[in-house]
Amino acid sequence: MKLTVNEVERTFDGDKSTPLLWYVRDELGLNGTKYGCGTGLCGACTVHVDGVAVRGCLATVGDAEGAEVRTIEGLHATGDHPVQQAWREQNVPQCGFCQAGQIMQAAALLAANPNPTDQEILRGMDGNICRCGCYQRIVSAVRHASTGA
């Protein structure tokens, strides 16, 4: 089976029911995507499949067959995607564990809605848990990434 991960075509000959999270972490060594809850409730494992934010612990390699998968490592070659820049400028992370998933969720949100209201940001980020409670900084950073202010 073929899939593309961070713009590199890959071949996978394992079990199609393998969680996408384990494929990108264990097989490809892309460790930015984190294991959090394993049930799709925390968002730490968020990746993009054809531009849509999905939970890597629930999506399978078979689900991604023929698709473009993007992990945090592939969001921008130098880590300068507007969301990544906003995260740094707004000093969002505290412990940082959830941040890759938060950034991937925010990037998908802004790709679909480039100028969201604060309520749309809250709805769009719902399901991504920050154990440190950095939600105000997350909303501020998403707003900053969308407007530059």
C-alpha atoms as a PDB file:
ATOM      1  CA  MET A   1       0.000   0.000   0.000  1.00  0.00           C
ATOM      2  CA  LYS A   2       1.186   3.530  -0.752  1.00  0.00           C
ATOM      3  CA  LEU A   3       0.764   6.755   1.144  1.00  0.00           C
ATOM      4  CA  THR A   4       2.607  10.039   1.203  1.00  0.00           C
ATOM      5  CA  VAL A   5       3.994  11.356   4.484  1.00  0.00           C
ATOM      6  CA  ASN A   6       5.356  14.891   4.577  1.00  0.00           C
ATOM      7  CA  GLU A   7       5.600  14.904   0.773  1.00  0.00           C
ATOM      8  CA  VAL A   8       7.589  11.656   0.615  1.00  0.00           C
ATOM      9  CA  GLU A   9       5.885   8.667  -1.004  1.00  0.00           C
ATOM     10  CA  ARG A  10       6.003   5.631   1.257  1.00  0.00           C
ATOM     11  CA  THR A  11       5.204   1.962   0.866  1.00  0.00           C
ATOM     12  CA  PHE A  12       3.774   0.007   3.782  1.00  0.00           C
ATOM     13  CA  ASP A  13       3.407  -3.756   3.691  1.00  0.00           C
ATOM     14  CA  GLY A  14       2.220  -4.270   7.259  1.00  0.00           C
ATOM     15  CA  ASP A  15      -1.199  -4.609   8.819  1.00  0.00           C
ATOM     16  CA  LYS A  16      -3.584  -1.983   7.418  1.00  0.00           C
ATOM     17  CA  SER A  17      -5.224  -1.693  10.834  1.00  0.00           C
ATOM     18  CA  THR A  18      -2.001  -0.342  12.382  1.00  0.00           C
ATOM     19  CA  PRO A  19      -2.759   3.025  13.956  1.00  0.00           C
ATOM     20  CA  LEU A  20      -1.310   5.864  11.906  1.00  0.00           C
ATOM     21  CA  LEU A  21       0.277   7.198  15.105  1.00  0.00           C
ATOM     22  CA  TRP A  22       2.430   4.088  15.508  1.00  0.00           C
ATOM     23  CA  TYR A  23       3.371   4.077  11.840  1.00  0.00           C
ATOM     24  CA  VAL A  24       4.657   7.672  11.858  1.00  0.00           C
ATOM     25  CA  ARG A  25       6.393   7.289  15.227  1.00  0.00           C
ATOM     26  CA  ASP A  26       7.741   3.735  15.140  1.00  0.00           C
ATOM     27  CA  GLU A  27       8.226   3.040  11.443  1.00  0.00           C
ATOM     28  CA  LEU A  28       9.184   6.531  10.229  1.00  0.00           C
ATOM     29  CA  GLY A  29      10.784   7.909  13.402  1.00  0.00           C
ATOM     30  CA  LEU A  30       8.652  11.074  13.352  1.00  0.00           C
ATOM     31  CA  ASN A  31       8.312  11.498  17.082  1.00  0.00           C
ATOM     32  CA  GLY A  32       6.714  14.949  17.161  1.00  0.00           C
ATOM     33  CA  THR A  33       3.276  13.343  17.078  1.00  0.00           C
ATOM     34  CA  LYS A  34       2.580  12.258  20.649  1.00  0.00           C
ATOM     35  CA  TYR A  35       0.658   9.406  22.211  1.00  0.00           C
ATOM     36  CA  GLY A  36      -1.737  10.835  24.772  1.00  0.00           C
ATOM     37  CA  CYS A  37      -4.879   8.890  25.570  1.00  0.00           C
ATOM     38  CA  GLY A  38      -5.101   6.336  22.764  1.00  0.00           C
ATOM     39  CA  THR A  39      -8.845   6.932  22.435  1.00  0.00           C
ATOM     40  CA  GLY A  40      -8.975  10.115  20.326  1.00  0.00           C
ATOM     41  CA  LEU A  41     -10.036  12.320  23.223  1.00  0.00           C
ATOM     42  CA  CYS A  42      -6.934  14.437  23.907  1.00  0.00           C
ATOM     43  CA  GLY A  43      -5.643  15.481  20.471  1.00  0.00           C
ATOM     44  CA  ALA A  44      -1.931  14.991  21.226  1.00  0.00           C
ATOM     45  CA  CYS A  45      -1.662  12.683  18.205  1.00  0.00           C
ATOM     46  CA  THR A  46      -3.288  15.048  15.688  1.00  0.00           C
ATOM     47  CA  VAL A  47      -1.970  14.806  12.125  1.00  0.00           C
ATOM     48  CA  HIS A  48      -3.423  15.924   8.804  1.00  0.00           C
ATOM     49  CA  VAL A  49      -4.782  13.463   6.269  1.00  0.00           C
ATOM     50  CA  ASP A  50      -5.472  15.273   3.011  1.00  0.00           C
ATOM     51  CA  GLY A  51      -5.499  18.521   4.986  1.00  0.00           C
ATOM     52  CA  VAL A  52      -8.018  17.407   7.589  1.00  0.00           C
ATOM     53  CA  ALA A  53      -7.000  17.119  11.241  1.00  0.00           C
ATOM     54  CA  VAL A  54      -7.411  13.532  12.425  1.00  0.00           C
ATOM     55  CA  ARG A  55      -6.430  11.644  15.534  1.00  0.00           C
ATOM     56  CA  GLY A  56      -3.474   9.442  14.664  1.00  0.00           C
ATOM     57  CA  CYS A  57      -4.362   6.966  17.407  1.00  0.00           C
ATOM     58  CA  LEU A  58      -7.742   6.269  15.762  1.00  0.00           C
ATOM     59  CA  ALA A  59      -6.887   6.583  12.063  1.00  0.00           C
ATOM     60  CA  THR A  60      -5.209   3.552  10.555  1.00  0.00           C
ATOM     61  CA  VAL A  61      -2.560   3.236   7.908  1.00  0.00           C
ATOM     62  CA  GLY A  62      -5.287   1.742   5.726  1.00  0.00           C
ATOM     63  CA  ASP A  63      -7.394   4.887   6.221  1.00  0.00           C
ATOM     64  CA  ALA A  64      -4.474   6.920   4.872  1.00  0.00           C
ATOM     65  CA  GLU A  65      -3.809   4.724   1.847  1.00  0.00           C
ATOM     66  CA  GLY A  66      -3.338   6.955  -1.187  1.00  0.00           C
ATOM     67  CA  ALA A  67      -3.606  10.086   0.971  1.00  0.00           C
ATOM     68  CA  GLU A  68      -1.241  12.894   1.908  1.00  0.00           C
ATOM     69  CA  VAL A  69      -0.331  12.642   5.583  1.00  0.00           C
ATOM     70  CA  ARG A  70       1.333  15.580   7.273  1.00  0.00           C
ATOM     71  CA  THR A  71       2.895  15.481  10.718  1.00  0.00           C
ATOM     72  CA  ILE A  72       4.255  18.365  12.770  1.00  0.00           C
ATOM     73  CA  GLU A  73       7.675  17.712  11.207  1.00  0.00           C
ATOM     74  CA  GLY A  74       6.203  18.343   7.757  1.00  0.00           C
ATOM     75  CA  LEU A  75       4.090  21.387   8.567  1.00  0.00           C
ATOM     76  CA  HIS A  76       6.945  23.693   7.540  1.00  0.00           C
ATOM     77  CA  ALA A  77      10.520  22.780   6.642  1.00  0.00           C
ATOM     78  CA  THR A  78      12.043  25.242   9.116  1.00  0.00           C
ATOM     79  CA  GLY A  79       9.250  25.359  11.702  1.00  0.00           C
ATOM     80  CA  ASP A  80       7.995  28.706  10.427  1.00  0.00           C
ATOM     81  CA  HIS A  81       4.394  27.948   9.562  1.00  0.00           C
ATOM     82  CA  PRO A  82       2.309  30.971  10.678  1.00  0.00           C
ATOM     83  CA  VAL A  83       0.830  28.903  13.517  1.00  0.00           C
ATOM     84  CA  GLN A  84       4.282  27.816  14.691  1.00  0.00           C
ATOM     85  CA  GLN A  85       5.468  31.422  14.570  1.00  0.00           C
ATOM     86  CA  ALA A  86       2.420  32.585  16.537  1.00  0.00           C
ATOM     87  CA  TRP A  87       2.994  29.857  19.127  1.00  0.00           C
ATOM     88  CA  ARG A  88       6.507  31.170  19.727  1.00  0.00           C
ATOM     89  CA  GLU A  89       5.508  34.838  19.679  1.00  0.00           C
ATOM     90  CA  GLN A  90       2.647  34.235  22.121  1.00  0.00           C
ATOM     91  CA  ASN A  91       4.751  31.940  24.367  1.00  0.00           C
ATOM     92  CA  VAL A  92       2.027  29.314  24.308  1.00  0.00           C
ATOM     93  CA  PRO A  93       3.667  26.143  25.648  1.00  0.00           C
ATOM     94  CA  GLN A  94       4.216  25.428  29.261  1.00  0.00           C
ATOM     95  CA  CYS A  95       5.194  21.742  29.380  1.00  0.00           C
ATOM     96  CA  GLY A  96       4.842  21.421  25.609  1.00  0.00           C
ATOM     97  CA  PHE A  97       3.549  17.834  25.475  1.00  0.00           C
ATOM     98  CA  CYS A  98       0.265  18.650  23.706  1.00  0.00           C
ATOM     99  CA  GLN A  99       1.589  21.430  21.518  1.00  0.00           C
ATOM    100  CA  ALA A 100       2.288  19.468  18.321  1.00  0.00           C
ATOM    101  CA  GLY A 101      -1.331  18.286  18.317  1.00  0.00           C
ATOM    102  CA  GLN A 102      -2.575  21.773  19.174  1.00  0.00           C
ATOM    103  CA  ILE A 103      -0.540  23.307  16.346  1.00  0.00           C
ATOM    104  CA  MET A 104      -1.726  20.711  13.831  1.00  0.00           C
ATOM    105  CA  GLN A 105      -5.354  21.256  14.862  1.00  0.00           C
ATOM    106  CA  ALA A 106      -4.920  25.045  14.597  1.00  0.00           C
ATOM    107  CA  ALA A 107      -3.256  24.802  11.178  1.00  0.00           C
ATOM    108  CA  ALA A 108      -6.149  22.704   9.834  1.00  0.00           C
ATOM    109  CA  LEU A 109      -8.661  25.118  11.366  1.00  0.00           C
ATOM    110  CA  LEU A 110      -7.014  28.115   9.694  1.00  0.00           C
ATOM    111  CA  ALA A 111      -6.703  26.324   6.365  1.00  0.00           C
ATOM    112  CA  ALA A 112     -10.470  25.785   6.427  1.00  0.00           C
ATOM    113  CA  ASN A 113     -11.346  29.145   8.016  1.00  0.00           C
ATOM    114  CA  PRO A 114      -8.551  31.725   7.605  1.00  0.00           C
ATOM    115  CA  ASN A 115     -10.190  34.371   9.803  1.00  0.00           C
ATOM    116  CA  PRO A 116     -12.142  32.645  12.595  1.00  0.00           C
ATOM    117  CA  THR A 117     -13.872  34.412  15.451  1.00  0.00           C
ATOM    118  CA  ASP A 118     -12.820  33.536  18.993  1.00  0.00           C
ATOM    119  CA  GLN A 119     -15.902  31.299  19.265  1.00  0.00           C
ATOM    120  CA  GLU A 120     -14.945  29.512  16.042  1.00  0.00           C
ATOM    121  CA  ILE A 121     -11.421  29.062  17.393  1.00  0.00           C
ATOM    122  CA  LEU A 122     -12.789  27.556  20.599  1.00  0.00           C
ATOM    123  CA  ARG A 123     -15.051  25.187  18.635  1.00  0.00           C
ATOM    124  CA  GLY A 124     -12.268  24.331  16.183  1.00  0.00           C
ATOM    125  CA  MET A 125      -9.815  23.534  18.964  1.00  0.00           C
ATOM    126  CA  ASP A 126     -12.321  21.601  21.067  1.00  0.00           C
ATOM    127  CA  GLY A 127     -11.039  18.137  21.869  1.00  0.00           C
ATOM    128  CA  ASN A 128      -7.394  19.170  22.093  1.00  0.00           C
ATOM    129  CA  ILE A 129      -6.556  19.032  25.764  1.00  0.00           C
ATOM    130  CA  CYS A 130      -3.801  21.091  27.357  1.00  0.00           C
ATOM    131  CA  ARG A 131      -2.910  19.604  30.738  1.00  0.00           C
ATOM    132  CA  CYS A 132      -1.288  22.909  31.746  1.00  0.00           C
ATOM    133  CA  GLY A 133      -4.404  24.955  30.919  1.00  0.00           C
ATOM    134  CA  CYS A 134      -2.804  27.256  28.325  1.00  0.00           C
ATOM    135  CA  TYR A 135      -6.132  27.763  26.540  1.00  0.00           C
ATOM    136  CA  GLN A 136      -6.096  31.578  26.606  1.00  0.00           C
ATOM    137  CA  ARG A 137      -2.637  31.632  25.021  1.00  0.00           C
ATOM    138  CA  ILE A 138      -3.727  29.020  22.467  1.00  0.00           C
ATOM    139  CA  VAL A 139      -6.728  31.119  21.383  1.00  0.00           C
ATOM    140  CA  SER A 140      -4.511  34.214  21.296  1.00  0.00           C
ATOM    141  CA  ALA A 141      -1.949  32.433  19.119  1.00  0.00           C
ATOM    142  CA  VAL A 142      -4.553  31.112  16.683  1.00  0.00           C
ATOM    143  CA  ARG A 143      -6.021  34.614  16.423  1.00  0.00           C
ATOM    144  CA  HIS A 144      -2.504  36.006  15.905  1.00  0.00           C
ATOM    145  CA  ALA A 145      -1.751  33.450  13.193  1.00  0.00           C
ATOM    146  CA  SER A 146      -4.973  34.386  11.400  1.00  0.00           C
ATOM    147  CA  THR A 147      -4.670  38.167  11.641  1.00  0.00           C
ATOM    148  CA  GLY A 148      -1.074  38.921  12.540  1.00  0.00           C
ATOM    149  CA  ALA A 149      -2.309  40.837  15.596  1.00  0.00           C
END
